[in-house]
Amino acid sequence: MDVTTSYAFGKRIDAPFGEVEQKVWTELAKEGFGILTEVNIKDKFKEKLGRDFREYVILGACNPPLAWEAFGKEVNIGTLLPCNVVVYCDDDGKTVVMVMDPVAALGVIGNSGLTEIAAQVRARMERVLAAL
């Protein structure tokens, strides 16, 4: 099932969290993305607040050639990079994968030179989701 917001898109998957997270890493790599950061929100909330939370990770994904192009067109683009991909368990026990919509994020800049790059990133992320 597809899930869409004004700033992200994704899907719900009837598979275990750990399995889906590993598959996300694999499919991102196939599309040329590396993971620069991984934040385990469940662990952080437990550590910092002593509170329990659902399984939830934020992956900071980056495609170096596309990032290079983007920086060449807008030096301040780093404020919007890397592309965040989240994997979490929803209330129904399904695993959800959501991707920051690069077209929406980069559209706020108003630099038309970034439009093509954002579209390329979105197409790659759509292929990642389709492979899950």
N, C-alpha and C. Protein backbone atom coordinates (compact mmCIF):
# COMPACT_ATOMS: atom_id res chain seq x y z
N MET A 1 0.84 -1.17 0.00
CA MET A 1 0.00 0.00 0.00
C MET A 1 0.89 1.24 0.00
N ASP A 2 0.61 2.17 -0.88
CA ASP A 2 1.38 3.41 -0.96
C ASP A 2 0.95 4.39 0.13
N VAL A 3 1.91 5.13 0.62
CA VAL A 3 1.68 6.16 1.63
C VAL A 3 2.31 7.44 1.08
N THR A 4 1.55 8.54 1.07
CA THR A 4 2.06 9.79 0.51
C THR A 4 1.68 10.96 1.41
N THR A 5 2.61 11.88 1.57
CA THR A 5 2.34 13.15 2.22
C THR A 5 2.83 14.24 1.27
N SER A 6 2.73 15.48 1.67
CA SER A 6 3.20 16.58 0.82
C SER A 6 4.72 16.63 0.76
N TYR A 7 5.40 15.93 1.65
CA TYR A 7 6.86 16.00 1.73
C TYR A 7 7.57 14.65 1.65
N ALA A 8 6.79 13.57 1.55
CA ALA A 8 7.41 12.24 1.52
C ALA A 8 6.49 11.25 0.82
N PHE A 9 7.08 10.13 0.42
CA PHE A 9 6.30 9.06 -0.18
C PHE A 9 6.89 7.73 0.26
N GLY A 10 6.06 6.69 0.26
CA GLY A 10 6.55 5.41 0.71
C GLY A 10 5.52 4.32 0.58
N LYS A 11 5.73 3.26 1.37
CA LYS A 11 4.81 2.14 1.30
C LYS A 11 4.83 1.35 2.61
N ARG A 12 3.72 0.66 2.86
CA ARG A 12 3.60 -0.26 3.99
C ARG A 12 3.87 -1.66 3.47
N ILE A 13 4.62 -2.41 4.24
CA ILE A 13 5.04 -3.75 3.82
C ILE A 13 4.72 -4.74 4.93
N ASP A 14 4.15 -5.86 4.55
CA ASP A 14 3.82 -6.91 5.51
C ASP A 14 5.02 -7.84 5.66
N ALA A 15 6.06 -7.33 6.32
CA ALA A 15 7.29 -8.09 6.56
C ALA A 15 7.94 -7.53 7.82
N PRO A 16 8.78 -8.33 8.47
CA PRO A 16 9.43 -7.86 9.71
C PRO A 16 10.34 -6.66 9.48
N PHE A 17 10.39 -5.81 10.49
CA PHE A 17 11.19 -4.58 10.46
C PHE A 17 12.63 -4.84 10.02
N GLY A 18 13.34 -5.74 10.70
CA GLY A 18 14.75 -5.99 10.40
C GLY A 18 14.98 -6.43 8.97
N GLU A 19 14.09 -7.27 8.49
CA GLU A 19 14.19 -7.75 7.11
C GLU A 19 14.01 -6.60 6.11
N VAL A 20 13.03 -5.76 6.37
CA VAL A 20 12.77 -4.63 5.47
C VAL A 20 13.93 -3.64 5.53
N GLU A 21 14.43 -3.36 6.73
CA GLU A 21 15.54 -2.41 6.85
C GLU A 21 16.75 -2.88 6.03
N GLN A 22 17.09 -4.16 6.13
CA GLN A 22 18.22 -4.69 5.37
C GLN A 22 17.98 -4.58 3.87
N LYS A 23 16.74 -4.87 3.45
CA LYS A 23 16.40 -4.79 2.03
C LYS A 23 16.50 -3.33 1.54
N VAL A 24 16.11 -2.38 2.38
CA VAL A 24 16.23 -0.96 2.02
C VAL A 24 17.70 -0.62 1.75
N TRP A 25 18.60 -1.04 2.65
CA TRP A 25 20.03 -0.80 2.45
C TRP A 25 20.49 -1.38 1.12
N THR A 26 20.09 -2.60 0.84
CA THR A 26 20.50 -3.28 -0.40
C THR A 26 19.99 -2.55 -1.63
N GLU A 27 18.73 -2.19 -1.62
CA GLU A 27 18.14 -1.53 -2.79
C GLU A 27 18.68 -0.11 -2.98
N LEU A 28 18.94 0.60 -1.89
CA LEU A 28 19.57 1.91 -2.02
C LEU A 28 20.95 1.79 -2.67
N ALA A 29 21.72 0.79 -2.25
CA ALA A 29 23.05 0.58 -2.83
C ALA A 29 22.95 0.30 -4.33
N LYS A 30 21.96 -0.47 -4.74
CA LYS A 30 21.77 -0.77 -6.17
C LYS A 30 21.53 0.49 -6.98
N GLU A 31 20.96 1.51 -6.34
CA GLU A 31 20.66 2.78 -7.02
C GLU A 31 21.77 3.82 -6.81
N GLY A 32 22.89 3.40 -6.24
CA GLY A 32 24.04 4.29 -6.09
C GLY A 32 24.06 5.12 -4.82
N PHE A 33 23.21 4.77 -3.85
CA PHE A 33 23.15 5.52 -2.60
C PHE A 33 23.95 4.80 -1.51
N GLY A 34 24.71 5.59 -0.77
CA GLY A 34 25.34 5.10 0.43
C GLY A 34 24.60 5.69 1.62
N ILE A 35 24.79 5.08 2.77
CA ILE A 35 24.16 5.59 3.99
C ILE A 35 25.22 6.36 4.78
N LEU A 36 25.04 7.66 4.89
CA LEU A 36 25.98 8.50 5.63
C LEU A 36 25.71 8.47 7.13
N THR A 37 24.43 8.36 7.48
CA THR A 37 24.05 8.35 8.89
C THR A 37 22.93 7.34 9.11
N GLU A 38 22.90 6.80 10.31
CA GLU A 38 21.79 5.95 10.73
C GLU A 38 21.46 6.33 12.17
N VAL A 39 20.24 6.77 12.38
CA VAL A 39 19.81 7.15 13.72
C VAL A 39 18.70 6.20 14.15
N ASN A 40 18.95 5.46 15.23
CA ASN A 40 17.95 4.56 15.77
C ASN A 40 17.14 5.36 16.79
N ILE A 41 15.96 5.79 16.38
CA ILE A 41 15.12 6.65 17.22
C ILE A 41 14.67 5.91 18.48
N LYS A 42 14.35 4.64 18.35
CA LYS A 42 13.93 3.86 19.51
C LYS A 42 15.02 3.89 20.59
N ASP A 43 16.26 3.62 20.18
CA ASP A 43 17.37 3.62 21.13
C ASP A 43 17.62 5.02 21.71
N LYS A 44 17.54 6.05 20.87
CA LYS A 44 17.80 7.41 21.34
C LYS A 44 16.76 7.87 22.35
N PHE A 45 15.48 7.57 22.10
CA PHE A 45 14.45 7.96 23.06
C PHE A 45 14.65 7.22 24.39
N LYS A 46 15.04 5.96 24.31
CA LYS A 46 15.29 5.20 25.54
C LYS A 46 16.47 5.79 26.30
N GLU A 47 17.56 6.06 25.56
CA GLU A 47 18.77 6.61 26.16
C GLU A 47 18.57 8.01 26.74
N LYS A 48 17.95 8.89 25.97
CA LYS A 48 17.85 10.30 26.36
C LYS A 48 16.65 10.62 27.25
N LEU A 49 15.55 9.88 27.06
CA LEU A 49 14.32 10.19 27.78
C LEU A 49 13.83 9.08 28.69
N GLY A 50 14.43 7.89 28.55
CA GLY A 50 13.96 6.74 29.33
C GLY A 50 12.60 6.26 28.87
N ARG A 51 12.25 6.54 27.64
CA ARG A 51 10.93 6.18 27.11
C ARG A 51 11.03 5.13 26.01
N ASP A 52 10.03 4.28 25.97
CA ASP A 52 9.95 3.25 24.94
C ASP A 52 9.26 3.81 23.70
N PHE A 53 9.74 3.37 22.55
CA PHE A 53 9.18 3.81 21.27
C PHE A 53 9.23 2.65 20.31
N ARG A 54 8.48 2.74 19.26
CA ARG A 54 8.44 1.70 18.23
C ARG A 54 9.80 1.59 17.53
N GLU A 55 10.01 0.51 16.80
CA GLU A 55 11.19 0.39 15.95
C GLU A 55 11.13 1.52 14.93
N TYR A 56 12.20 2.30 14.83
CA TYR A 56 12.19 3.45 13.93
C TYR A 56 13.63 3.89 13.67
N VAL A 57 14.07 3.80 12.42
CA VAL A 57 15.40 4.28 12.06
C VAL A 57 15.30 5.34 10.96
N ILE A 58 16.21 6.29 11.04
CA ILE A 58 16.35 7.31 9.99
C ILE A 58 17.68 7.05 9.30
N LEU A 59 17.62 6.81 8.00
CA LEU A 59 18.83 6.58 7.21
C LEU A 59 19.10 7.83 6.37
N GLY A 60 20.30 8.37 6.47
CA GLY A 60 20.71 9.51 5.66
C GLY A 60 21.38 9.01 4.40
N ALA A 61 20.63 8.96 3.29
CA ALA A 61 21.12 8.38 2.05
C ALA A 61 21.69 9.45 1.12
N CYS A 62 22.79 9.12 0.46
CA CYS A 62 23.44 10.06 -0.45
C CYS A 62 23.96 9.34 -1.68
N ASN A 63 23.70 9.93 -2.84
CA ASN A 63 24.26 9.46 -4.10
C ASN A 63 25.34 10.47 -4.46
N PRO A 64 26.63 10.12 -4.27
CA PRO A 64 27.70 11.11 -4.45
C PRO A 64 27.70 11.87 -5.77
N PRO A 65 27.53 11.21 -6.93
CA PRO A 65 27.55 11.99 -8.17
C PRO A 65 26.42 13.02 -8.25
N LEU A 66 25.23 12.63 -7.79
CA LEU A 66 24.11 13.58 -7.83
C LEU A 66 24.29 14.68 -6.79
N ALA A 67 24.84 14.34 -5.63
CA ALA A 67 25.12 15.36 -4.61
C ALA A 67 26.14 16.36 -5.15
N TRP A 68 27.17 15.86 -5.84
CA TRP A 68 28.19 16.74 -6.42
C TRP A 68 27.55 17.74 -7.38
N GLU A 69 26.67 17.24 -8.24
CA GLU A 69 25.97 18.12 -9.18
C GLU A 69 25.14 19.17 -8.44
N ALA A 70 24.43 18.72 -7.40
CA ALA A 70 23.57 19.63 -6.64
C ALA A 70 24.39 20.72 -5.96
N PHE A 71 25.53 20.36 -5.37
CA PHE A 71 26.38 21.36 -4.73
C PHE A 71 26.92 22.35 -5.75
N GLY A 72 27.15 21.88 -6.99
CA GLY A 72 27.62 22.78 -8.03
C GLY A 72 26.59 23.82 -8.43
N LYS A 73 25.33 23.53 -8.19
CA LYS A 73 24.26 24.45 -8.55
C LYS A 73 23.79 25.29 -7.37
N GLU A 74 24.05 24.82 -6.15
CA GLU A 74 23.55 25.52 -4.96
C GLU A 74 24.40 25.10 -3.76
N VAL A 75 25.34 25.93 -3.36
CA VAL A 75 26.28 25.57 -2.30
C VAL A 75 25.59 25.32 -0.96
N ASN A 76 24.45 25.95 -0.72
CA ASN A 76 23.74 25.77 0.54
C ASN A 76 22.84 24.54 0.56
N ILE A 77 22.92 23.73 -0.48
CA ILE A 77 22.08 22.53 -0.58
C ILE A 77 22.33 21.56 0.58
N GLY A 78 23.48 21.67 1.20
CA GLY A 78 23.80 20.80 2.33
C GLY A 78 22.78 20.87 3.46
N THR A 79 22.04 21.95 3.54
CA THR A 79 21.01 22.06 4.57
C THR A 79 19.86 21.09 4.32
N LEU A 80 19.73 20.61 3.09
CA LEU A 80 18.65 19.69 2.74
C LEU A 80 19.16 18.28 2.42
N LEU A 81 20.44 18.05 2.58
CA LEU A 81 21.01 16.73 2.30
C LEU A 81 21.51 16.12 3.59
N PRO A 82 21.62 14.83 3.70
CA PRO A 82 21.26 13.81 2.72
C PRO A 82 19.74 13.60 2.66
N CYS A 83 19.33 12.73 1.75
CA CYS A 83 17.92 12.38 1.65
C CYS A 83 17.58 11.41 2.78
N ASN A 84 16.60 11.76 3.57
CA ASN A 84 16.22 10.87 4.66
C ASN A 84 15.26 9.80 4.19
N VAL A 85 15.56 8.59 4.62
CA VAL A 85 14.70 7.43 4.39
C VAL A 85 14.41 6.87 5.78
N VAL A 86 13.14 6.70 6.12
CA VAL A 86 12.81 6.16 7.43
C VAL A 86 12.16 4.79 7.27
N VAL A 87 12.47 3.94 8.24
CA VAL A 87 11.88 2.61 8.31
C VAL A 87 11.34 2.47 9.72
N TYR A 88 10.05 2.12 9.84
CA TYR A 88 9.47 1.98 11.17
C TYR A 88 8.32 0.98 11.17
N CYS A 89 7.98 0.54 12.37
CA CYS A 89 6.82 -0.33 12.56
C CYS A 89 5.62 0.53 12.86
N ASP A 90 4.51 0.27 12.15
CA ASP A 90 3.31 1.05 12.44
C ASP A 90 2.48 0.35 13.51
N ASP A 91 1.34 0.94 13.84
CA ASP A 91 0.50 0.41 14.91
C ASP A 91 -0.13 -0.93 14.56
N ASP A 92 -0.17 -1.28 13.28
CA ASP A 92 -0.76 -2.54 12.84
C ASP A 92 0.27 -3.65 12.65
N GLY A 93 1.52 -3.39 13.04
CA GLY A 93 2.56 -4.41 12.91
C GLY A 93 3.19 -4.48 11.53
N LYS A 94 2.81 -3.58 10.65
CA LYS A 94 3.42 -3.53 9.32
C LYS A 94 4.68 -2.68 9.41
N THR A 95 5.57 -2.85 8.43
CA THR A 95 6.76 -2.02 8.36
C THR A 95 6.54 -0.96 7.29
N VAL A 96 6.82 0.26 7.63
CA VAL A 96 6.63 1.38 6.72
C VAL A 96 8.00 1.92 6.31
N VAL A 97 8.15 2.19 5.02
CA VAL A 97 9.35 2.84 4.50
C VAL A 97 8.89 4.14 3.86
N MET A 98 9.45 5.25 4.33
CA MET A 98 9.10 6.57 3.80
C MET A 98 10.38 7.26 3.33
N VAL A 99 10.27 7.98 2.22
CA VAL A 99 11.40 8.68 1.62
C VAL A 99 11.06 10.16 1.53
N MET A 100 11.98 11.01 1.96
CA MET A 100 11.81 12.44 1.76
C MET A 100 11.65 12.69 0.27
N ASP A 101 10.67 13.45 -0.12
CA ASP A 101 10.46 13.76 -1.53
C ASP A 101 11.46 14.84 -1.95
N PRO A 102 12.49 14.47 -2.74
CA PRO A 102 13.49 15.46 -3.12
C PRO A 102 12.93 16.57 -3.99
N VAL A 103 11.88 16.30 -4.75
CA VAL A 103 11.28 17.34 -5.58
C VAL A 103 10.64 18.40 -4.68
N ALA A 104 9.93 17.97 -3.65
CA ALA A 104 9.32 18.91 -2.71
C ALA A 104 10.39 19.65 -1.92
N ALA A 105 11.39 18.92 -1.42
CA ALA A 105 12.43 19.54 -0.59
C ALA A 105 13.25 20.55 -1.38
N LEU A 106 13.71 20.16 -2.56
CA LEU A 106 14.55 21.05 -3.34
C LEU A 106 13.76 22.16 -4.03
N GLY A 107 12.45 21.93 -4.15
CA GLY A 107 11.58 22.95 -4.75
C GLY A 107 11.50 24.22 -3.92
N VAL A 108 11.74 24.11 -2.62
CA VAL A 108 11.66 25.30 -1.76
C VAL A 108 12.80 26.28 -2.04
N ILE A 109 13.86 25.80 -2.67
CA ILE A 109 15.02 26.65 -2.94
C ILE A 109 14.73 27.64 -4.06
N GLY A 110 13.96 27.21 -5.06
CA GLY A 110 13.68 28.09 -6.18
C GLY A 110 14.80 28.14 -7.20
N ASN A 111 15.65 27.11 -7.22
CA ASN A 111 16.75 27.03 -8.18
C ASN A 111 16.36 26.00 -9.24
N SER A 112 16.02 26.47 -10.43
CA SER A 112 15.55 25.56 -11.48
C SER A 112 16.61 24.56 -11.90
N GLY A 113 17.87 24.87 -11.65
CA GLY A 113 18.94 23.93 -11.99
C GLY A 113 18.90 22.66 -11.16
N LEU A 114 18.20 22.70 -10.05
CA LEU A 114 18.10 21.52 -9.19
C LEU A 114 16.93 20.62 -9.55
N THR A 115 16.03 21.10 -10.39
CA THR A 115 14.82 20.35 -10.72
C THR A 115 15.14 18.99 -11.33
N GLU A 116 16.06 18.95 -12.29
CA GLU A 116 16.41 17.69 -12.95
C GLU A 116 17.08 16.73 -11.97
N ILE A 117 17.94 17.24 -11.13
CA ILE A 117 18.62 16.39 -10.14
C ILE A 117 17.60 15.80 -9.18
N ALA A 118 16.69 16.64 -8.71
CA ALA A 118 15.65 16.17 -7.79
C ALA A 118 14.80 15.08 -8.44
N ALA A 119 14.48 15.25 -9.71
CA ALA A 119 13.68 14.25 -10.42
C ALA A 119 14.45 12.94 -10.55
N GLN A 120 15.75 13.01 -10.79
CA GLN A 120 16.56 11.79 -10.86
C GLN A 120 16.60 11.07 -9.52
N VAL A 121 16.77 11.82 -8.45
CA VAL A 121 16.78 11.22 -7.12
C VAL A 121 15.43 10.57 -6.83
N ARG A 122 14.35 11.29 -7.14
CA ARG A 122 13.02 10.73 -6.89
C ARG A 122 12.80 9.43 -7.67
N ALA A 123 13.20 9.40 -8.93
CA ALA A 123 13.03 8.20 -9.75
C ALA A 123 13.79 7.02 -9.15
N ARG A 124 14.99 7.27 -8.66
CA ARG A 124 15.78 6.20 -8.04
C ARG A 124 15.12 5.71 -6.76
N MET A 125 14.61 6.65 -5.97
CA MET A 125 13.93 6.26 -4.72
C MET A 125 12.65 5.49 -5.01
N GLU A 126 11.95 5.87 -6.05
CA GLU A 126 10.74 5.13 -6.44
C GLU A 126 11.09 3.69 -6.83
N ARG A 127 12.23 3.51 -7.50
CA ARG A 127 12.67 2.15 -7.85
C ARG A 127 13.03 1.35 -6.60
N VAL A 128 13.64 2.02 -5.63
CA VAL A 128 13.96 1.35 -4.36
C VAL A 128 12.67 0.83 -3.73
N LEU A 129 11.67 1.70 -3.62
CA LEU A 129 10.41 1.30 -3.01
C LEU A 129 9.74 0.17 -3.80
N ALA A 130 9.78 0.25 -5.11
CA ALA A 130 9.15 -0.78 -5.94
C ALA A 130 9.81 -2.14 -5.73
N ALA A 131 11.09 -2.15 -5.40
CA ALA A 131 11.82 -3.41 -5.21
C ALA A 131 11.58 -4.04 -3.85
N LEU A 132 10.97 -3.31 -2.94
CA LEU A 132 10.75 -3.85 -1.59
C LEU A 132 9.57 -4.80 -1.53
